[in-house]
Protein backbone atom coordinates (compact mmCIF):
# COMPACT_ATOMS: atom_id res chain seq x y z
CA MET A 1 -44.78 -58.12 -36.36
CA VAL A 2 -42.13 -55.59 -36.91
CA ASP A 3 -41.03 -53.41 -33.60
CA PHE A 4 -40.15 -49.67 -34.52
CA ARG A 5 -37.46 -49.52 -32.12
CA SER A 6 -35.82 -52.70 -33.32
CA LEU A 7 -35.85 -51.33 -36.97
CA VAL A 8 -34.62 -47.77 -36.11
CA ALA A 9 -31.33 -49.60 -34.54
CA VAL A 10 -30.60 -51.92 -37.04
CA MET A 11 -31.15 -49.26 -39.68
CA ALA A 12 -28.85 -46.83 -37.30
CA ALA A 13 -26.17 -49.61 -37.01
CA VAL A 14 -26.22 -50.00 -40.75
CA VAL A 15 -25.13 -46.83 -41.73
CA LEU A 16 -22.36 -46.65 -38.56
CA LEU A 17 -20.69 -50.42 -39.77
CA SER A 18 -21.00 -48.66 -43.74
CA GLY A 19 -18.99 -45.63 -42.58
CA CYS A 20 -20.28 -43.70 -45.64
CA GLY A 21 -23.41 -43.05 -47.62
CA PRO A 22 -25.49 -40.34 -49.43
CA ALA A 23 -27.27 -37.89 -47.59
CA SER A 24 -30.34 -39.31 -47.20
CA ASP A 25 -28.96 -42.25 -45.03
CA SER A 26 -28.68 -39.79 -42.31
CA PRO A 27 -29.84 -40.86 -38.93
CA THR A 28 -32.86 -38.40 -39.38
CA ALA A 29 -33.53 -39.72 -42.59
CA LEU A 30 -33.44 -43.44 -40.83
CA VAL A 31 -35.73 -42.36 -38.56
CA THR A 32 -38.09 -40.56 -41.36
CA SER A 33 -38.21 -43.73 -43.18
CA ALA A 34 -38.99 -46.15 -40.25
CA ARG A 35 -41.33 -43.89 -39.81
CA SER A 36 -43.19 -43.77 -42.79
CA ALA A 37 -42.78 -47.81 -42.79
CA SER A 38 -44.12 -47.87 -39.58
CA SER A 39 -47.25 -46.16 -41.12
CA SER A 40 -47.60 -49.39 -43.42
CA PRO A 41 -50.73 -51.21 -42.27
CA ASP A 42 -48.83 -54.43 -42.36
CA ILE A 43 -46.32 -52.95 -39.50
CA ALA A 44 -48.12 -52.66 -35.78
CA GLN A 45 -48.25 -48.80 -34.76
CA THR A 46 -46.07 -48.42 -31.61
CA PRO A 47 -45.31 -45.17 -29.31
CA THR A 48 -42.10 -42.82 -30.80
CA PRO A 49 -39.80 -42.14 -28.40
CA THR A 50 -39.33 -38.63 -27.55
CA VAL A 51 -35.92 -37.02 -28.17
CA THR A 52 -35.00 -33.80 -26.32
CA GLN A 53 -31.70 -32.00 -27.85
CA VAL A 54 -29.68 -30.75 -25.66
CA THR A 55 -27.55 -27.86 -26.26
CA VAL A 56 -24.27 -27.79 -25.09
CA PRO A 57 -22.28 -23.91 -24.54
CA PHE A 58 -18.80 -23.80 -24.93
CA ALA A 59 -17.09 -23.74 -21.80
CA THR A 60 -15.52 -19.65 -21.86
CA SER A 61 -12.83 -18.66 -19.17
CA ALA A 62 -13.70 -14.80 -18.48
CA GLN A 63 -10.15 -13.46 -17.82
CA PRO A 64 -10.37 -9.97 -15.67
CA LYS A 65 -9.46 -7.12 -17.68
CA PRO A 66 -6.11 -6.06 -17.39
CA ALA A 67 -5.97 -2.56 -15.42
CA ALA A 68 -5.46 0.80 -17.75
CA ALA A 69 -2.26 2.05 -17.47
CA GLY A 70 -1.57 5.40 -15.40
CA THR A 71 -3.14 3.61 -12.20
CA ALA A 72 -2.05 2.71 -9.15
CA LEU A 73 -3.73 -0.90 -10.02
CA ALA A 74 -1.33 -1.28 -13.01
CA ALA A 75 1.31 -0.34 -10.76
CA VAL A 76 0.98 -2.98 -8.31
CA ALA A 77 2.11 -5.75 -10.98
CA ARG A 78 5.45 -3.81 -11.67
CA LEU A 79 6.01 -3.95 -7.81
CA THR A 80 9.25 -6.37 -7.50
CA VAL A 81 8.30 -9.54 -4.99
CA LYS A 82 10.41 -10.76 -2.63
CA GLY A 83 10.19 -12.32 0.84
CA ARG A 84 10.82 -9.83 3.61
CA ALA A 85 14.37 -9.56 4.71
CA PRO A 86 15.45 -9.92 9.13
CA LYS A 87 14.79 -6.70 10.95
CA THR A 88 18.54 -6.77 12.29
CA GLY A 89 20.78 -3.84 12.50
CA TYR A 90 17.65 -1.86 11.96
CA THR A 91 17.64 1.51 13.89
CA ARG A 92 15.45 4.83 13.32
CA ASP A 93 19.19 6.42 12.93
CA GLN A 94 20.34 4.49 9.70
CA PHE A 95 17.75 6.90 8.24
CA GLY A 96 19.70 9.73 9.09
CA GLN A 97 18.61 12.94 11.55
CA ALA A 98 15.08 13.07 12.08
CA TRP A 99 13.23 15.78 10.11
CA PHE A 100 16.55 16.84 8.23
CA ASP A 101 15.38 19.88 5.92
CA VAL A 102 16.45 18.13 2.69
CA ASP A 103 15.29 20.41 0.72
CA ARG A 104 17.27 23.46 2.19
CA ASN A 105 13.71 26.11 2.51
CA GLY A 106 15.36 26.69 5.83
CA CYS A 107 12.44 24.17 7.73
CA ASP A 108 12.62 20.94 9.09
CA THR A 109 10.68 18.33 7.18
CA ARG A 110 7.93 18.34 10.31
CA ASN A 111 7.28 21.65 10.30
CA ASP A 112 7.09 21.45 6.25
CA ILE A 113 3.94 18.65 6.73
CA LEU A 114 2.43 20.30 9.55
CA ARG A 115 2.22 23.28 7.13
CA ARG A 116 0.92 20.94 4.53
CA ASP A 117 -2.06 19.43 5.85
CA LEU A 118 -3.10 21.27 8.69
CA SER A 119 -5.67 24.30 8.20
CA SER A 120 -6.51 27.18 10.35
CA ARG A 121 -2.48 27.38 11.21
CA GLN A 122 -1.13 29.56 14.28
CA MET A 123 2.77 30.14 13.02
CA GLN A 124 5.37 31.61 15.46
CA ASN A 125 7.35 32.71 12.29
CA ALA A 126 7.63 31.10 8.80
CA CYS A 127 8.57 27.92 9.33
CA LYS A 128 7.23 26.87 12.67
CA VAL A 129 3.90 25.79 13.42
CA LEU A 130 2.11 26.23 16.91
CA ALA A 131 -1.48 25.34 16.54
CA GLY A 132 -3.08 24.01 13.89
CA THR A 133 -6.46 21.33 12.65
CA LEU A 134 -6.51 17.99 11.04
CA ALA A 135 -9.64 18.26 9.49
CA PRO A 136 -10.46 15.25 8.71
CA ASP A 137 -7.98 13.00 10.20
CA PRO A 138 -7.02 10.40 7.08
CA TYR A 139 -6.82 7.51 8.94
CA THR A 140 -9.79 8.15 11.52
CA GLY A 141 -11.88 10.41 9.92
CA ARG A 142 -11.67 12.58 13.21
CA THR A 143 -10.95 16.43 13.64
CA ILE A 144 -8.13 17.14 15.86
CA ARG A 145 -6.64 20.06 17.23
CA PHE A 146 -2.47 20.15 17.01
CA VAL A 147 -0.90 21.98 20.00
CA TYR A 148 2.61 22.37 20.07
CA GLY A 149 4.19 21.39 23.25
CA GLY A 150 0.56 21.09 24.82
CA VAL A 151 -1.32 17.74 24.79
CA SER A 152 -1.36 16.77 21.15
CA GLU A 153 -2.38 14.25 19.37
CA VAL A 154 -1.05 14.54 15.98
CA ASP A 155 1.82 12.24 14.46
CA ILE A 156 3.82 12.68 11.25
CA ASP A 157 3.23 9.30 9.53
CA HIS A 158 5.85 7.75 7.04
CA VAL A 159 3.12 5.85 4.49
CA VAL A 160 5.94 3.06 4.24
CA ALA A 161 7.61 2.41 7.67
CA LEU A 162 11.16 2.51 7.70
CA SER A 163 11.43 -0.37 9.39
CA ASP A 164 9.38 -2.38 6.65
CA ALA A 165 11.45 -0.61 4.05
CA TRP A 166 14.95 -1.53 5.62
CA GLN A 167 13.44 -5.19 5.52
CA LYS A 168 12.53 -4.89 2.04
CA GLY A 169 15.21 -3.16 0.51
CA ALA A 170 16.69 -0.44 2.15
CA ALA A 171 19.58 -2.11 4.52
CA SER A 172 21.81 -2.21 1.37
CA TRP A 173 20.81 1.63 0.37
CA PRO A 174 23.66 4.39 0.43
CA ALA A 175 23.21 6.74 3.20
CA GLY A 176 21.55 9.37 1.64
CA LYS A 177 18.81 7.66 -0.40
CA ARG A 178 17.55 6.40 3.48
CA LEU A 179 17.44 10.28 4.28
CA ALA A 180 15.83 11.03 1.49
CA LEU A 181 12.75 8.16 2.28
CA ALA A 182 12.82 9.37 5.05
CA ASN A 183 11.92 12.73 4.48
CA ASP A 184 10.12 12.53 1.28
CA PRO A 185 6.60 14.58 1.70
CA LEU A 186 5.36 11.88 -0.70
CA ASN A 187 6.12 9.11 2.36
CA LEU A 188 4.75 11.33 4.93
CA LEU A 189 1.06 12.34 6.27
CA ALA A 190 0.26 14.40 9.30
CA VAL A 191 -2.16 11.65 11.05
CA ASP A 192 -3.91 10.38 14.38
CA ALA A 193 -1.22 9.52 16.80
CA SER A 194 -2.43 6.71 18.43
CA ALA A 195 -3.59 5.03 15.07
CA ASN A 196 -0.33 5.82 13.80
CA ARG A 197 1.27 3.86 16.56
CA SER A 198 -0.97 0.81 16.44
CA LYS A 199 0.48 1.04 12.99
CA GLY A 200 3.67 0.07 14.20
CA ASP A 201 5.75 -0.73 10.45
CA GLY A 202 2.42 -2.98 9.28
CA ASP A 203 2.38 -3.14 5.47
CA THR A 204 -0.70 -2.97 3.43
CA ALA A 205 -1.27 -6.79 4.19
CA THR A 206 -1.25 -6.36 8.23
CA TRP A 207 -2.70 -2.76 8.65
CA LEU A 208 -5.48 -0.86 7.04
CA PRO A 209 -6.72 2.77 7.85
CA ALA A 210 -10.04 2.33 9.90
CA ASN A 211 -10.75 4.99 7.52
CA LYS A 212 -12.21 2.67 4.61
CA SER A 213 -13.01 5.40 2.82
CA PHE A 214 -9.49 6.81 2.60
CA ARG A 215 -7.88 3.02 2.26
CA CYS A 216 -7.31 3.33 -1.60
CA THR A 217 -5.64 6.61 -1.55
CA TYR A 218 -3.65 5.08 1.36
CA VAL A 219 -2.74 2.21 -0.81
CA ALA A 220 -2.46 4.11 -3.87
CA ARG A 221 0.48 6.61 -2.13
CA GLN A 222 2.17 3.28 -0.39
CA VAL A 223 2.52 1.78 -3.97
CA ALA A 224 3.78 5.23 -5.14
CA VAL A 225 6.82 5.52 -2.56
CA LYS A 226 7.61 1.61 -3.04
CA ALA A 227 7.67 2.18 -7.03
CA LYS A 228 9.48 5.47 -6.36
CA TYR A 229 12.52 4.05 -4.13
CA GLY A 230 12.62 0.65 -5.49
CA VAL A 231 11.07 -0.60 -2.09
CA TRP A 232 9.99 -4.72 -3.02
CA VAL A 233 6.97 -6.44 -1.42
CA THR A 234 5.82 -9.98 -0.38
CA ALA A 235 3.17 -11.28 -1.96
CA ALA A 236 0.68 -11.48 0.64
CA GLU A 237 1.51 -7.94 0.53
CA ARG A 238 1.30 -7.17 -3.35
CA ASP A 239 -2.23 -9.57 -2.81
CA ALA A 240 -3.85 -7.17 -0.17
CA MET A 241 -3.00 -3.85 -2.60
CA THR A 242 -4.82 -5.82 -5.32
CA ARG A 243 -7.72 -6.37 -3.23
CA VAL A 244 -8.05 -3.16 -1.88
CA LEU A 245 -7.27 -1.07 -5.50
CA GLY A 246 -9.20 -3.17 -7.20
CA ALA A 247 -12.73 -1.80 -5.42
CA CYS A 248 -10.76 1.73 -6.97
CA ALA A 249 -9.48 0.36 -10.12
CA THR A 250 -9.29 4.03 -11.91
CA MET A 251 -7.60 5.60 -8.96
CA PRO A 252 -4.29 7.13 -10.72
CA LEU A 253 -0.97 6.56 -9.10
CA PRO A 254 0.42 9.46 -7.45
CA GLY A 255 3.30 11.20 -8.59
CA PRO A 256 6.79 10.90 -7.60
CA GLY A 257 6.76 14.57 -6.43
CA SER A 258 10.04 16.54 -6.78
CA ALA A 259 11.93 15.36 -4.12
CA SER A 260 14.67 13.49 -5.44
CA THR A 261 15.68 9.72 -4.08
CA VAL A 262 18.97 10.42 -2.85
CA ALA A 263 19.18 13.73 -0.33
CA LEU A 264 22.47 15.81 0.33
CA LEU A 265 23.89 14.43 3.55
CA PRO A 266 24.80 17.12 5.61
CA ARG A 267 28.50 18.06 5.37
CA ALA A 268 28.66 15.59 2.35
CA ALA A 269 32.04 14.88 1.75
CA SER A 270 31.92 16.68 -1.82
CA THR A 271 31.37 20.09 -0.54
CA TYR A 272 32.54 20.05 3.19
CA THR A 273 35.85 21.67 3.81
CA PRO A 274 37.42 20.98 7.23
CA LEU A 275 37.64 23.97 9.68
CA PRO A 276 40.91 25.03 11.36
CA VAL A 277 41.14 22.60 14.47
CA VAL A 278 40.63 24.95 17.74
CA PRO A 279 41.17 23.52 21.35
CA PRO A 280 37.98 22.78 22.94
CA ALA A 281 36.02 24.61 25.24
CA PRO A 282 35.59 23.48 28.63
CA SER A 283 32.94 21.10 29.22
CA PRO A 284 30.12 22.46 31.60
CA ALA A 285 29.27 20.69 34.88
CA PRO A 286 26.88 17.77 33.86
CA ALA A 287 22.82 18.52 35.26
CA PRO A 288 22.08 16.34 37.45
CA ALA A 289 20.77 13.24 36.16
CA SER A 290 17.87 13.13 38.34
CA VAL A 291 16.18 16.08 36.46
CA TYR A 292 12.13 15.81 36.20
CA TYR A 293 9.69 18.02 34.03
CA VAL A 294 6.56 17.37 34.71
CA ASN A 295 5.33 18.45 31.31
CA CYS A 296 7.17 20.80 28.35
CA THR A 297 5.88 23.59 29.98
CA ALA A 298 8.36 23.35 32.70
CA ALA A 299 10.76 21.94 30.73
CA ARG A 300 10.36 25.37 28.40
CA ALA A 301 10.41 27.91 32.27
CA ALA A 302 13.71 25.84 33.09
CA GLY A 303 15.06 26.61 30.12
CA ALA A 304 16.02 22.86 28.77
CA ALA A 305 14.27 23.02 25.72
CA PRO A 306 13.99 20.86 23.20
CA ILE A 307 15.05 17.68 25.02
CA HIS A 308 17.68 15.29 23.22
CA ARG A 309 17.50 11.76 24.17
CA GLY A 310 20.06 10.81 26.28
CA GLN A 311 19.85 14.02 27.99
CA PRO A 312 18.84 14.86 32.00
CA GLY A 313 15.40 15.31 31.81
CA TYR A 314 14.39 13.63 28.18
CA ARG A 315 11.38 11.06 28.68
CA SER A 316 9.19 9.45 25.93
CA ALA A 317 5.89 11.10 27.36
CA LEU A 318 7.63 14.62 26.08
CA ASP A 319 8.31 13.00 23.08
CA ARG A 320 5.01 13.01 21.39
CA ASP A 321 6.50 12.06 17.64
CA GLY A 322 8.77 9.91 18.76
CA ASP A 323 12.10 11.56 16.73
CA GLY A 324 14.23 11.95 19.59
CA ILE A 325 13.37 15.36 20.51
CA ALA A 326 11.20 16.58 23.55
CA CYS A 327 9.63 19.63 23.76
CA GLU A 328 10.68 21.10 20.39
């Protein structure tokens, strides 16, 4: 009695050993012949094993779609990636006079941004904002009332913090470029003071606004500033930027604006003509070192406002925006 399975194995082995043969000698044909032979009365019938055909798909690697041209996400890939340099040598003074009128419009930069970002403004003149409403504050989503000289909760934030820029290229810039970055409207926002101070000099990898609906806009603005001035990013910062902007991949990169990347310094050497030397006037008697003003109202009543850092009566509690000038 012939064993069907043994017969199939033998015939398949013959084909494999021969390495060639007509198409009718394929394994399928052999199985068919074997089945025909097994149907002969002289061959005992045995159950035919069931063969299951398994189709294995070709392996594919899903590649993410490239970011569309003109988007903030696409711009991230063009930023230079380097490690963070030391903070050695950084001071706010390295970025020039605070709120310098770089656009020569007769108004300091701080008031320019307050006029741009606040609504329901009350003005002293064409420049000075006395009061206004920040609605909403981009970092918290709250509505904040700004009152000049009072209990104000509004700061002007550098979207790319000056210390962060210092550690990522700005330490080697000329003074005019640092002054431009510090006063560029693209890099400035009126925001909640406490949120601004919690940010410190954080980048995208270490700080994001609590207002999640503003995060894409915030990160896109940071990318635009760093692209405009050539400020580099760390690998962690780049990855964080990519992660945030991946949720809003079509967001366009903000335009660079009209501000130059190099500001004309006060009394630039190319345009400044020294005045005739005159004898200095006698110095006034120094104010008592123990001068203390309860608030800016008291300082103004005494005729002392504004008070610069280092002058009698200056203290950080009166300097709401931390620019070194109290009771502006």
